[in-house]
Amino acid sequence: MALTLGIIGAGHMGTLHAQNLMTDERVHLVGVADVDQDRAETLAHLVKGQTFASVEALLDTGVEAVYVCTPNTLHTEAVLAALHLLDMLRWLMGEVVEVVCQARASIYHELDDFVMRMAIRL
């Protein structure tokens, strides 16, 4: 299964990285986010992906990773947005793990009761 990936920044570096990533069958480029809509559309068309008006909109698609290709002085905002999403996913996964553990304990309890009822019948 391919890694779903987004590009943040559709300038020179974003285009170079996208061109390289397009050759990797392990990667599926979802799309591009850039403040310059025309550049985002051009690069999104090249990668056969979508254009996103914001980093948050790109992250909301559920991408597993992003390439931050903005100018160096603008990396912080994109990275912080991605890390915020990661923190939210970690919290959600913790909740999912808790629910699974409780369900598993309940199933084992029910199975224990069933085995005991069968043993009593024997």
PDB file of N, CA and C in Angstrom:
ATOM      1  N   MET A   1       0.845  -1.177   0.000  1.00  0.00           N
ATOM      2  CA  MET A   1       0.000   0.000   0.000  1.00  0.00           C
ATOM      3  C   MET A   1       0.889   1.240   0.000  1.00  0.00           C
ATOM      4  N   ALA A   2       0.560   2.202  -0.816  1.00  0.00           N
ATOM      5  CA  ALA A   2       1.372   3.404  -0.983  1.00  0.00           C
ATOM      6  C   ALA A   2       1.177   4.374   0.183  1.00  0.00           C
ATOM      7  N   LEU A   3       2.249   5.072   0.526  1.00  0.00           N
ATOM      8  CA  LEU A   3       2.217   6.119   1.533  1.00  0.00           C
ATOM      9  C   LEU A   3       1.516   7.329   0.928  1.00  0.00           C
ATOM     10  N   THR A   4       0.468   7.832   1.590  1.00  0.00           N
ATOM     11  CA  THR A   4      -0.218   9.026   1.092  1.00  0.00           C
ATOM     12  C   THR A   4       0.524  10.249   1.583  1.00  0.00           C
ATOM     13  N   LEU A   5       0.833  11.122   0.651  1.00  0.00           N
ATOM     14  CA  LEU A   5       1.727  12.234   0.944  1.00  0.00           C
ATOM     15  C   LEU A   5       1.214  13.514   0.297  1.00  0.00           C
ATOM     16  N   GLY A   6       1.435  14.631   0.970  1.00  0.00           N
ATOM     17  CA  GLY A   6       1.077  15.928   0.428  1.00  0.00           C
ATOM     18  C   GLY A   6       2.296  16.820   0.322  1.00  0.00           C
ATOM     19  N   ILE A   7       2.214  17.782  -0.560  1.00  0.00           N
ATOM     20  CA  ILE A   7       3.286  18.757  -0.752  1.00  0.00           C
ATOM     21  C   ILE A   7       2.792  20.109  -0.249  1.00  0.00           C
ATOM     22  N   ILE A   8       3.558  20.733   0.621  1.00  0.00           N
ATOM     23  CA  ILE A   8       3.245  22.076   1.099  1.00  0.00           C
ATOM     24  C   ILE A   8       4.275  23.009   0.485  1.00  0.00           C
ATOM     25  N   GLY A   9       3.815  23.819  -0.442  1.00  0.00           N
ATOM     26  CA  GLY A   9       4.704  24.726  -1.169  1.00  0.00           C
ATOM     27  C   GLY A   9       4.901  24.238  -2.592  1.00  0.00           C
ATOM     28  N   ALA A  10       4.437  25.021  -3.548  1.00  0.00           N
ATOM     29  CA  ALA A  10       4.465  24.604  -4.953  1.00  0.00           C
ATOM     30  C   ALA A  10       5.495  25.363  -5.775  1.00  0.00           C
ATOM     31  N   GLY A  11       6.520  25.869  -5.111  1.00  0.00           N
ATOM     32  CA  GLY A  11       7.574  26.573  -5.834  1.00  0.00           C
ATOM     33  C   GLY A  11       8.593  25.602  -6.401  1.00  0.00           C
ATOM     34  N   HIS A  12       9.802  26.080  -6.549  1.00  0.00           N
ATOM     35  CA  HIS A  12      10.879  25.289  -7.149  1.00  0.00           C
ATOM     36  C   HIS A  12      11.131  23.980  -6.384  1.00  0.00           C
ATOM     37  N   MET A  13      11.313  24.071  -5.062  1.00  0.00           N
ATOM     38  CA  MET A  13      11.624  22.870  -4.276  1.00  0.00           C
ATOM     39  C   MET A  13      10.440  21.903  -4.239  1.00  0.00           C
ATOM     40  N   GLY A  14       9.232  22.440  -4.123  1.00  0.00           N
ATOM     41  CA  GLY A  14       8.051  21.575  -4.130  1.00  0.00           C
ATOM     42  C   GLY A  14       7.942  20.810  -5.430  1.00  0.00           C
ATOM     43  N   THR A  15       8.218  21.493  -6.539  1.00  0.00           N
ATOM     44  CA  THR A  15       8.159  20.847  -7.853  1.00  0.00           C
ATOM     45  C   THR A  15       9.238  19.780  -7.991  1.00  0.00           C
ATOM     46  N   LEU A  16      10.460  20.091  -7.551  1.00  0.00           N
ATOM     47  CA  LEU A  16      11.543  19.093  -7.625  1.00  0.00           C
ATOM     48  C   LEU A  16      11.216  17.845  -6.809  1.00  0.00           C
ATOM     49  N   HIS A  17      10.773  18.059  -5.570  1.00  0.00           N
ATOM     50  CA  HIS A  17      10.431  16.908  -4.729  1.00  0.00           C
ATOM     51  C   HIS A  17       9.270  16.118  -5.323  1.00  0.00           C
ATOM     52  N   ALA A  18       8.272  16.812  -5.820  1.00  0.00           N
ATOM     53  CA  ALA A  18       7.114  16.132  -6.408  1.00  0.00           C
ATOM     54  C   ALA A  18       7.525  15.286  -7.612  1.00  0.00           C
ATOM     55  N   GLN A  19       8.381  15.836  -8.460  1.00  0.00           N
ATOM     56  CA  GLN A  19       8.838  15.078  -9.631  1.00  0.00           C
ATOM     57  C   GLN A  19       9.577  13.810  -9.213  1.00  0.00           C
ATOM     58  N   ASN A  20      10.404  13.910  -8.195  1.00  0.00           N
ATOM     59  CA  ASN A  20      11.100  12.717  -7.696  1.00  0.00           C
ATOM     60  C   ASN A  20      10.137  11.719  -7.073  1.00  0.00           C
ATOM     61  N   LEU A  21       9.195  12.213  -6.290  1.00  0.00           N
ATOM     62  CA  LEU A  21       8.246  11.328  -5.615  1.00  0.00           C
ATOM     63  C   LEU A  21       7.313  10.623  -6.598  1.00  0.00           C
ATOM     64  N   MET A  22       7.019  11.282  -7.710  1.00  0.00           N
ATOM     65  CA  MET A  22       6.130  10.674  -8.708  1.00  0.00           C
ATOM     66  C   MET A  22       6.706   9.385  -9.279  1.00  0.00           C
ATOM     67  N   THR A  23       8.014   9.226  -9.220  1.00  0.00           N
ATOM     68  CA  THR A  23       8.651   8.033  -9.779  1.00  0.00           C
ATOM     69  C   THR A  23       8.696   6.882  -8.784  1.00  0.00           C
ATOM     70  N   ASP A  24       8.291   7.134  -7.557  1.00  0.00           N
ATOM     71  CA  ASP A  24       8.341   6.120  -6.501  1.00  0.00           C
ATOM     72  C   ASP A  24       6.964   5.479  -6.352  1.00  0.00           C
ATOM     73  N   GLU A  25       6.860   4.224  -6.697  1.00  0.00           N
ATOM     74  CA  GLU A  25       5.563   3.533  -6.640  1.00  0.00           C
ATOM     75  C   GLU A  25       5.058   3.338  -5.214  1.00  0.00           C
ATOM     76  N   ARG A  26       5.909   3.566  -4.231  1.00  0.00           N
ATOM     77  CA  ARG A  26       5.495   3.428  -2.828  1.00  0.00           C
ATOM     78  C   ARG A  26       4.791   4.671  -2.308  1.00  0.00           C
ATOM     79  N   VAL A  27       4.675   5.698  -3.159  1.00  0.00           N
ATOM     80  CA  VAL A  27       4.122   6.989  -2.747  1.00  0.00           C
ATOM     81  C   VAL A  27       2.901   7.335  -3.598  1.00  0.00           C
ATOM     82  N   HIS A  28       1.865   7.835  -2.930  1.00  0.00           N
ATOM     83  CA  HIS A  28       0.699   8.383  -3.628  1.00  0.00           C
ATOM     84  C   HIS A  28       0.586   9.848  -3.229  1.00  0.00           C
ATOM     85  N   LEU A  29       0.821  10.747  -4.182  1.00  0.00           N
ATOM     86  CA  LEU A  29       0.724  12.178  -3.911  1.00  0.00           C
ATOM     87  C   LEU A  29      -0.741  12.605  -3.951  1.00  0.00           C
ATOM     88  N   VAL A  30      -1.243  13.038  -2.802  1.00  0.00           N
ATOM     89  CA  VAL A  30      -2.644  13.436  -2.691  1.00  0.00           C
ATOM     90  C   VAL A  30      -2.872  14.802  -3.303  1.00  0.00           C
ATOM     91  N   GLY A  31      -1.940  15.722  -3.040  1.00  0.00           N
ATOM     92  CA  GLY A  31      -2.120  17.056  -3.582  1.00  0.00           C
ATOM     93  C   GLY A  31      -1.147  18.057  -3.023  1.00  0.00           C
ATOM     94  N   VAL A  32      -1.460  19.325  -3.291  1.00  0.00           N
ATOM     95  CA  VAL A  32      -0.547  20.425  -3.013  1.00  0.00           C
ATOM     96  C   VAL A  32      -1.288  21.562  -2.322  1.00  0.00           C
ATOM     97  N   ALA A  33      -0.650  22.124  -1.312  1.00  0.00           N
ATOM     98  CA  ALA A  33      -1.158  23.333  -0.660  1.00  0.00           C
ATOM     99  C   ALA A  33      -0.144  24.448  -0.870  1.00  0.00           C
ATOM    100  N   ASP A  34      -0.628  25.598  -1.292  1.00  0.00           N
ATOM    101  CA  ASP A  34       0.241  26.765  -1.478  1.00  0.00           C
ATOM    102  C   ASP A  34      -0.617  28.013  -1.425  1.00  0.00           C
ATOM    103  N   VAL A  35      -0.050  29.101  -0.937  1.00  0.00           N
ATOM    104  CA  VAL A  35      -0.804  30.360  -0.904  1.00  0.00           C
ATOM    105  C   VAL A  35      -1.018  30.921  -2.297  1.00  0.00           C
ATOM    106  N   ASP A  36      -0.159  30.556  -3.233  1.00  0.00           N
ATOM    107  CA  ASP A  36      -0.310  30.962  -4.627  1.00  0.00           C
ATOM    108  C   ASP A  36      -1.134  29.884  -5.333  1.00  0.00           C
ATOM    109  N   GLN A  37      -2.406  30.160  -5.506  1.00  0.00           N
ATOM    110  CA  GLN A  37      -3.339  29.166  -6.052  1.00  0.00           C
ATOM    111  C   GLN A  37      -2.938  28.682  -7.442  1.00  0.00           C
ATOM    112  N   ASP A  38      -2.425  29.577  -8.273  1.00  0.00           N
ATOM    113  CA  ASP A  38      -2.033  29.185  -9.631  1.00  0.00           C
ATOM    114  C   ASP A  38      -0.891  28.164  -9.599  1.00  0.00           C
ATOM    115  N   ARG A  39       0.111  28.432  -8.771  1.00  0.00           N
ATOM    116  CA  ARG A  39       1.223  27.479  -8.668  1.00  0.00           C
ATOM    117  C   ARG A  39       0.754  26.152  -8.086  1.00  0.00           C
ATOM    118  N   ALA A  40      -0.119  26.222  -7.090  1.00  0.00           N
ATOM    119  CA  ALA A  40      -0.647  24.991  -6.495  1.00  0.00           C
ATOM    120  C   ALA A  40      -1.399  24.174  -7.544  1.00  0.00           C
ATOM    121  N   GLU A  41      -2.206  24.838  -8.349  1.00  0.00           N
ATOM    122  CA  GLU A  41      -2.972  24.138  -9.385  1.00  0.00           C
ATOM    123  C   GLU A  41      -2.054  23.514 -10.436  1.00  0.00           C
ATOM    124  N   THR A  42      -1.016  24.234 -10.811  1.00  0.00           N
ATOM    125  CA  THR A  42      -0.074  23.718 -11.810  1.00  0.00           C
ATOM    126  C   THR A  42       0.615  22.455 -11.304  1.00  0.00           C
ATOM    127  N   LEU A  43       1.107  22.509 -10.066  1.00  0.00           N
ATOM    128  CA  LEU A  43       1.795  21.342  -9.514  1.00  0.00           C
ATOM    129  C   LEU A  43       0.820  20.200  -9.233  1.00  0.00           C
ATOM    130  N   ALA A  44      -0.360  20.523  -8.740  1.00  0.00           N
ATOM    131  CA  ALA A  44      -1.365  19.486  -8.489  1.00  0.00           C
ATOM    132  C   ALA A  44      -1.729  18.769  -9.786  1.00  0.00           C
ATOM    133  N   HIS A  45      -1.837  19.528 -10.866  1.00  0.00           N
ATOM    134  CA  HIS A  45      -2.128  18.928 -12.169  1.00  0.00           C
ATOM    135  C   HIS A  45      -0.998  17.978 -12.578  1.00  0.00           C
ATOM    136  N   LEU A  46       0.235  18.402 -12.356  1.00  0.00           N
ATOM    137  CA  LEU A  46       1.396  17.579 -12.698  1.00  0.00           C
ATOM    138  C   LEU A  46       1.384  16.247 -11.940  1.00  0.00           C
ATOM    139  N   VAL A  47       1.042  16.295 -10.654  1.00  0.00           N
ATOM    140  CA  VAL A  47       1.071  15.069  -9.832  1.00  0.00           C
ATOM    141  C   VAL A  47      -0.268  14.323  -9.853  1.00  0.00           C
ATOM    142  N   LYS A  48      -1.209  14.861 -10.629  1.00  0.00           N
ATOM    143  CA  LYS A  48      -2.557  14.272 -10.720  1.00  0.00           C
ATOM    144  C   LYS A  48      -3.221  14.213  -9.330  1.00  0.00           C
ATOM    145  N   GLY A  49      -3.044  15.315  -8.610  1.00  0.00           N
ATOM    146  CA  GLY A  49      -3.611  15.421  -7.264  1.00  0.00           C
ATOM    147  C   GLY A  49      -4.548  16.601  -7.170  1.00  0.00           C
ATOM    148  N   GLN A  50      -4.896  16.944  -5.951  1.00  0.00           N
ATOM    149  CA  GLN A  50      -5.817  18.041  -5.686  1.00  0.00           C
ATOM    150  C   GLN A  50      -5.058  19.282  -5.243  1.00  0.00           C
ATOM    151  N   THR A  51      -5.731  20.409  -5.334  1.00  0.00           N
ATOM    152  CA  THR A  51      -5.207  21.671  -4.828  1.00  0.00           C
ATOM    153  C   THR A  51      -5.907  21.985  -3.518  1.00  0.00           C
ATOM    154  N   PHE A  52      -5.132  22.417  -2.520  1.00  0.00           N
ATOM    155  CA  PHE A  52      -5.703  22.755  -1.221  1.00  0.00           C
ATOM    156  C   PHE A  52      -5.378  24.209  -0.896  1.00  0.00           C
ATOM    157  N   ALA A  53      -6.368  24.905  -0.360  1.00  0.00           N
ATOM    158  CA  ALA A  53      -6.218  26.329  -0.071  1.00  0.00           C
ATOM    159  C   ALA A  53      -5.394  26.574   1.192  1.00  0.00           C
ATOM    160  N   SER A  54      -5.236  25.546   2.008  1.00  0.00           N
ATOM    161  CA  SER A  54      -4.482  25.717   3.256  1.00  0.00           C
ATOM    162  C   SER A  54      -3.796  24.415   3.636  1.00  0.00           C
ATOM    163  N   VAL A  55      -2.819  24.545   4.503  1.00  0.00           N
ATOM    164  CA  VAL A  55      -2.132  23.367   5.036  1.00  0.00           C
ATOM    165  C   VAL A  55      -3.131  22.490   5.788  1.00  0.00           C
ATOM    166  N   GLU A  56      -3.999  23.123   6.566  1.00  0.00           N
ATOM    167  CA  GLU A  56      -4.985  22.375   7.349  1.00  0.00           C
ATOM    168  C   GLU A  56      -5.904  21.557   6.451  1.00  0.00           C
ATOM    169  N   ALA A  57      -6.320  22.134   5.317  1.00  0.00           N
ATOM    170  CA  ALA A  57      -7.189  21.403   4.386  1.00  0.00           C
ATOM    171  C   ALA A  57      -6.469  20.180   3.826  1.00  0.00           C
ATOM    172  N   LEU A  58      -5.193  20.321   3.517  1.00  0.00           N
ATOM    173  CA  LEU A  58      -4.411  19.183   3.039  1.00  0.00           C
ATOM    174  C   LEU A  58      -4.300  18.120   4.125  1.00  0.00           C
ATOM    175  N   LEU A  59      -4.012  18.546   5.347  1.00  0.00           N
ATOM    176  CA  LEU A  59      -3.871  17.600   6.453  1.00  0.00           C
ATOM    177  C   LEU A  59      -5.192  16.895   6.766  1.00  0.00           C
ATOM    178  N   ASP A  60      -6.298  17.600   6.572  1.00  0.00           N
ATOM    179  CA  ASP A  60      -7.618  17.006   6.837  1.00  0.00           C
ATOM    180  C   ASP A  60      -7.939  15.825   5.925  1.00  0.00           C
ATOM    181  N   THR A  61      -7.204  15.677   4.825  1.00  0.00           N
ATOM    182  CA  THR A  61      -7.458  14.539   3.931  1.00  0.00           C
ATOM    183  C   THR A  61      -6.964  13.232   4.524  1.00  0.00           C
ATOM    184  N   GLY A  62      -6.148  13.339   5.586  1.00  0.00           N
ATOM    185  CA  GLY A  62      -5.623  12.128   6.216  1.00  0.00           C
ATOM    186  C   GLY A  62      -4.283  11.691   5.650  1.00  0.00           C
ATOM    187  N   VAL A  63      -3.563  12.604   4.997  1.00  0.00           N
ATOM    188  CA  VAL A  63      -2.241  12.232   4.474  1.00  0.00           C
ATOM    189  C   VAL A  63      -1.386  11.688   5.620  1.00  0.00           C
ATOM    190  N   GLU A  64      -0.519  10.751   5.275  1.00  0.00           N
ATOM    191  CA  GLU A  64       0.341  10.148   6.286  1.00  0.00           C
ATOM    192  C   GLU A  64       1.633  10.924   6.484  1.00  0.00           C
ATOM    193  N   ALA A  65       1.980  11.750   5.523  1.00  0.00           N
ATOM    194  CA  ALA A  65       3.207  12.544   5.603  1.00  0.00           C
ATOM    195  C   ALA A  65       3.078  13.742   4.680  1.00  0.00           C
ATOM    196  N   VAL A  66       3.892  14.748   4.948  1.00  0.00           N
ATOM    197  CA  VAL A  66       3.954  15.916   4.074  1.00  0.00           C
ATOM    198  C   VAL A  66       5.408  16.285   3.829  1.00  0.00           C
ATOM    199  N   TYR A  67       5.651  16.853   2.678  1.00  0.00           N
ATOM    200  CA  TYR A  67       6.929  17.482   2.374  1.00  0.00           C
ATOM    201  C   TYR A  67       6.702  18.970   2.528  1.00  0.00           C
ATOM    202  N   VAL A  68       7.436  19.593   3.420  1.00  0.00           N
ATOM    203  CA  VAL A  68       7.331  21.036   3.616  1.00  0.00           C
ATOM    204  C   VAL A  68       8.361  21.692   2.698  1.00  0.00           C
ATOM    205  N   CYS A  69       7.876  22.314   1.639  1.00  0.00           N
ATOM    206  CA  CYS A  69       8.732  22.876   0.593  1.00  0.00           C
ATOM    207  C   CYS A  69       8.555  24.381   0.466  1.00  0.00           C
ATOM    208  N   THR A  70       8.153  24.989   1.546  1.00  0.00           N
ATOM    209  CA  THR A  70       8.028  26.446   1.569  1.00  0.00           C
ATOM    210  C   THR A  70       9.426  27.039   1.765  1.00  0.00           C
ATOM    211  N   PRO A  71       9.562  28.357   1.573  1.00  0.00           N
ATOM    212  CA  PRO A  71      10.855  28.966   1.922  1.00  0.00           C
ATOM    213  C   PRO A  71      11.190  28.672   3.388  1.00  0.00           C
ATOM    214  N   ASN A  72      12.472  28.534   3.684  1.00  0.00           N
ATOM    215  CA  ASN A  72      12.904  28.135   5.028  1.00  0.00           C
ATOM    216  C   ASN A  72      12.274  28.964   6.141  1.00  0.00           C
ATOM    217  N   THR A  73      12.112  30.240   5.915  1.00  0.00           N
ATOM    218  CA  THR A  73      11.562  31.110   6.955  1.00  0.00           C
ATOM    219  C   THR A  73      10.077  30.847   7.212  1.00  0.00           C
ATOM    220  N   LEU A  74       9.438  30.069   6.356  1.00  0.00           N
ATOM    221  CA  LEU A  74       8.008  29.771   6.514  1.00  0.00           C
ATOM    222  C   LEU A  74       7.740  28.316   6.921  1.00  0.00           C
ATOM    223  N   HIS A  75       8.777  27.564   7.206  1.00  0.00           N
ATOM    224  CA  HIS A  75       8.601  26.158   7.576  1.00  0.00           C
ATOM    225  C   HIS A  75       7.821  25.984   8.885  1.00  0.00           C
ATOM    226  N   THR A  76       8.052  26.859   9.834  1.00  0.00           N
ATOM    227  CA  THR A  76       7.515  26.669  11.182  1.00  0.00           C
ATOM    228  C   THR A  76       6.005  26.486  11.189  1.00  0.00           C
ATOM    229  N   GLU A  77       5.276  27.340  10.509  1.00  0.00           N
ATOM    230  CA  GLU A  77       3.818  27.268  10.522  1.00  0.00           C
ATOM    231  C   GLU A  77       3.311  25.924   9.985  1.00  0.00           C
ATOM    232  N   ALA A  78       3.873  25.473   8.874  1.00  0.00           N
ATOM    233  CA  ALA A  78       3.433  24.205   8.277  1.00  0.00           C
ATOM    234  C   ALA A  78       3.789  23.024   9.165  1.00  0.00           C
ATOM    235  N   VAL A  79       4.981  23.062   9.723  1.00  0.00           N
ATOM    236  CA  VAL A  79       5.410  21.957  10.590  1.00  0.00           C
ATOM    237  C   VAL A  79       4.551  21.902  11.849  1.00  0.00           C
ATOM    238  N   LEU A  80       4.274  23.053  12.443  1.00  0.00           N
ATOM    239  CA  LEU A  80       3.438  23.072  13.643  1.00  0.00           C
ATOM    240  C   LEU A  80       2.024  22.564  13.355  1.00  0.00           C
ATOM    241  N   ALA A  81       1.487  22.912  12.204  1.00  0.00           N
ATOM    242  CA  ALA A  81       0.155  22.418  11.833  1.00  0.00           C
ATOM    243  C   ALA A  81       0.169  20.902  11.707  1.00  0.00           C
ATOM    244  N   ALA A  82       1.208  20.368  11.070  1.00  0.00           N
ATOM    245  CA  ALA A  82       1.314  18.912  10.914  1.00  0.00           C
ATOM    246  C   ALA A  82       1.499  18.235  12.263  1.00  0.00           C
ATOM    247  N   LEU A  83       2.307  18.813  13.137  1.00  0.00           N
ATOM    248  CA  LEU A  83       2.520  18.229  14.466  1.00  0.00           C
ATOM    249  C   LEU A  83       1.249  18.271  15.298  1.00  0.00           C
ATOM    250  N   HIS A  84       0.462  19.342  15.157  1.00  0.00           N
ATOM    251  CA  HIS A  84      -0.813  19.423  15.874  1.00  0.00           C
ATOM    252  C   HIS A  84      -1.722  18.277  15.450  1.00  0.00           C
ATOM    253  N   LEU A  85      -1.775  18.015  14.160  1.00  0.00           N
ATOM    254  CA  LEU A  85      -2.578  16.910  13.660  1.00  0.00           C
ATOM    255  C   LEU A  85      -2.059  15.592  14.217  1.00  0.00           C
ATOM    256  N   LEU A  86      -0.739  15.435  14.262  1.00  0.00           N
ATOM    257  CA  LEU A  86      -0.144  14.216  14.786  1.00  0.00           C
ATOM    258  C   LEU A  86      -0.524  14.018  16.248  1.00  0.00           C
ATOM    259  N   ASP A  87      -0.487  15.093  17.033  1.00  0.00           N
ATOM    260  CA  ASP A  87      -0.894  15.002  18.435  1.00  0.00           C
ATOM    261  C   ASP A  87      -2.348  14.572  18.554  1.00  0.00           C
ATOM    262  N   MET A  88      -3.203  15.130  17.690  1.00  0.00           N
ATOM    263  CA  MET A  88      -4.613  14.748  17.714  1.00  0.00           C
ATOM    264  C   MET A  88      -4.775  13.273  17.361  1.00  0.00           C
ATOM    265  N   LEU A  89      -4.014  12.787  16.365  1.00  0.00           N
ATOM    266  CA  LEU A  89      -4.100  11.387  15.978  1.00  0.00           C
ATOM    267  C   LEU A  89      -3.616  10.473  17.095  1.00  0.00           C
ATOM    268  N   ARG A  90      -2.545  10.882  17.772  1.00  0.00           N
ATOM    269  CA  ARG A  90      -2.053  10.088  18.905  1.00  0.00           C
ATOM    270  C   ARG A  90      -3.116   9.975  19.986  1.00  0.00           C
ATOM    271  N   TRP A  91      -3.783  11.085  20.275  1.00  0.00           N
ATOM    272  CA  TRP A  91      -4.840  11.071  21.282  1.00  0.00           C
ATOM    273  C   TRP A  91      -5.966  10.133  20.834  1.00  0.00           C
ATOM    274  N   LEU A  92      -6.369  10.273  19.571  1.00  0.00           N
ATOM    275  CA  LEU A  92      -7.435   9.438  19.046  1.00  0.00           C
ATOM    276  C   LEU A  92      -7.049   7.965  19.085  1.00  0.00           C
ATOM    277  N   MET A  93      -5.816   7.657  18.707  1.00  0.00           N
ATOM    278  CA  MET A  93      -5.368   6.266  18.741  1.00  0.00           C
ATOM    279  C   MET A  93      -5.373   5.731  20.166  1.00  0.00           C
ATOM    280  N   GLY A  94      -5.008   6.576  21.119  1.00  0.00           N
ATOM    281  CA  GLY A  94      -5.078   6.161  22.524  1.00  0.00           C
ATOM    282  C   GLY A  94      -6.493   5.807  22.914  1.00  0.00           C
ATOM    283  N   GLU A  95      -7.450   6.605  22.462  1.00  0.00           N
ATOM    284  CA  GLU A  95      -8.857   6.317  22.744  1.00  0.00           C
ATOM    285  C   GLU A  95      -9.292   5.012  22.077  1.00  0.00           C
ATOM    286  N   VAL A  96      -8.883   4.809  20.840  1.00  0.00           N
ATOM    287  CA  VAL A  96      -9.236   3.588  20.112  1.00  0.00           C
ATOM    288  C   VAL A  96      -8.649   2.369  20.817  1.00  0.00           C
ATOM    289  N   VAL A  97      -7.398   2.462  21.227  1.00  0.00           N
ATOM    290  CA  VAL A  97      -6.753   1.343  21.922  1.00  0.00           C
ATOM    291  C   VAL A  97      -7.514   1.022  23.212  1.00  0.00           C
ATOM    292  N   GLU A  98      -7.932   2.041  23.941  1.00  0.00           N
ATOM    293  CA  GLU A  98      -8.679   1.833  25.177  1.00  0.00           C
ATOM    294  C   GLU A  98     -10.001   1.106  24.901  1.00  0.00           C
ATOM    295  N   VAL A  99     -10.711   1.540  23.859  1.00  0.00           N
ATOM    296  CA  VAL A  99     -11.985   0.892  23.513  1.00  0.00           C
ATOM    297  C   VAL A  99     -11.757  -0.562  23.113  1.00  0.00           C
ATOM    298  N   VAL A 100     -10.733  -0.815  22.315  1.00  0.00           N
ATOM    299  CA  VAL A 100     -10.430  -2.185  21.891  1.00  0.00           C
ATOM    300  C   VAL A 100     -10.081  -3.054  23.103  1.00  0.00           C
ATOM    301  N   CYS A 101      -9.287  -2.513  24.001  1.00  0.00           N
ATOM    302  CA  CYS A 101      -8.910  -3.281  25.201  1.00  0.00           C
ATOM    303  C   CYS A 101     -10.135  -3.615  26.040  1.00  0.00           C
ATOM    304  N   GLN A 102     -11.026  -2.645  26.199  1.00  0.00           N
ATOM    305  CA  GLN A 102     -12.242  -2.903  26.984  1.00  0.00           C
ATOM    306  C   GLN A 102     -13.136  -3.924  26.285  1.00  0.00           C
ATOM    307  N   ALA A 103     -13.252  -3.820  24.976  1.00  0.00           N
ATOM    308  CA  ALA A 103     -14.068  -4.774  24.229  1.00  0.00           C
ATOM    309  C   ALA A 103     -13.464  -6.167  24.325  1.00  0.00           C
ATOM    310  N   ARG A 104     -12.160  -6.239  24.222  1.00  0.00           N
ATOM    311  CA  ARG A 104     -11.472  -7.529  24.315  1.00  0.00           C
ATOM    312  C   ARG A 104     -11.689  -8.156  25.692  1.00  0.00           C
ATOM    313  N   ALA A 105     -11.574  -7.349  26.752  1.00  0.00           N
ATOM    314  CA  ALA A 105     -11.791  -7.849  28.106  1.00  0.00           C
ATOM    315  C   ALA A 105     -13.220  -8.358  28.259  1.00  0.00           C
ATOM    316  N   SER A 106     -14.162  -7.637  27.679  1.00  0.00           N
ATOM    317  CA  SER A 106     -15.559  -8.048  27.747  1.00  0.00           C
ATOM    318  C   SER A 106     -15.775  -9.370  27.015  1.00  0.00           C
ATOM    319  N   ILE A 107     -15.150  -9.505  25.847  1.00  0.00           N
ATOM    320  CA  ILE A 107     -15.283 -10.751  25.077  1.00  0.00           C
ATOM    321  C   ILE A 107     -14.695 -11.919  25.858  1.00  0.00           C
ATOM    322  N   TYR A 108     -13.515 -11.708  26.445  1.00  0.00           N
ATOM    323  CA  TYR A 108     -12.908 -12.778  27.240  1.00  0.00           C
ATOM    324  C   TYR A 108     -13.774 -13.135  28.435  1.00  0.00           C
ATOM    325  N   HIS A 109     -14.392 -12.143  29.055  1.00  0.00           N
ATOM    326  CA  HIS A 109     -15.283 -12.399  30.182  1.00  0.00           C
ATOM    327  C   HIS A 109     -16.468 -13.254  29.723  1.00  0.00           C
ATOM    328  N   GLU A 110     -17.063 -12.862  28.590  1.00  0.00           N
ATOM    329  CA  GLU A 110     -18.194 -13.634  28.056  1.00  0.00           C
ATOM    330  C   GLU A 110     -17.756 -15.051  27.696  1.00  0.00           C
ATOM    331  N   LEU A 111     -16.590 -15.198  27.108  1.00  0.00           N
ATOM    332  CA  LEU A 111     -16.069 -16.504  26.746  1.00  0.00           C
ATOM    333  C   LEU A 111     -15.825 -17.345  27.990  1.00  0.00           C
ATOM    334  N   ASP A 112     -15.283 -16.732  29.021  1.00  0.00           N
ATOM    335  CA  ASP A 112     -15.073 -17.426  30.300  1.00  0.00           C
ATOM    336  C   ASP A 112     -16.393 -17.951  30.847  1.00  0.00           C
ATOM    337  N   ASP A 113     -17.421 -17.092  30.855  1.00  0.00           N
ATOM    338  CA  ASP A 113     -18.740 -17.498  31.339  1.00  0.00           C
ATOM    339  C   ASP A 113     -19.289 -18.653  30.517  1.00  0.00           C
ATOM    340  N   PHE A 114     -19.131 -18.587  29.202  1.00  0.00           N
ATOM    341  CA  PHE A 114     -19.619 -19.643  28.316  1.00  0.00           C
ATOM    342  C   PHE A 114     -18.917 -20.962  28.623  1.00  0.00           C
ATOM    343  N   VAL A 115     -17.607 -20.916  28.763  1.00  0.00           N
ATOM    344  CA  VAL A 115     -16.822 -22.128  29.046  1.00  0.00           C
ATOM    345  C   VAL A 115     -17.266 -22.710  30.386  1.00  0.00           C
ATOM    346  N   MET A 116     -17.474 -21.863  31.366  1.00  0.00           N
ATOM    347  CA  MET A 116     -17.914 -22.345  32.691  1.00  0.00           C
ATOM    348  C   MET A 116     -19.289 -22.995  32.603  1.00  0.00           C
ATOM    349  N   ARG A 117     -20.205 -22.395  31.839  1.00  0.00           N
ATOM    350  CA  ARG A 117     -21.549 -22.976  31.694  1.00  0.00           C
ATOM    351  C   ARG A 117     -21.457 -24.328  30.977  1.00  0.00           C
ATOM    352  N   MET A 118     -20.593 -24.434  29.982  1.00  0.00           N
ATOM    353  CA  MET A 118     -20.419 -25.698  29.275  1.00  0.00           C
ATOM    354  C   MET A 118     -19.800 -26.750  30.200  1.00  0.00           C
ATOM    355  N   ALA A 119     -18.857 -26.351  31.019  1.00  0.00           N
ATOM    356  CA  ALA A 119     -18.200 -27.284  31.945  1.00  0.00           C
ATOM    357  C   ALA A 119     -19.192 -27.799  32.971  1.00  0.00           C
ATOM    358  N   ILE A 120     -20.094 -26.945  33.422  1.00  0.00           N
ATOM    359  CA  ILE A 120     -21.098 -27.359  34.409  1.00  0.00           C
ATOM    360  C   ILE A 120     -22.044 -28.371  33.786  1.00  0.00           C
ATOM    361  N   ARG A 121     -22.385 -28.206  32.516  1.00  0.00           N
ATOM    362  CA  ARG A 121     -23.284 -29.136  31.840  1.00  0.00           C
ATOM    363  C   ARG A 121     -22.656 -30.513  31.664  1.00  0.00           C
ATOM    364  N   LEU A 122     -21.327 -30.554  31.529  1.00  0.00           N
ATOM    365  CA  LEU A 122     -20.647 -31.830  31.341  1.00  0.00           C
ATOM    366  C   LEU A 122     -20.645 -32.561  32.634  1.00  0.00           C
TER     367      LEU A 122
END
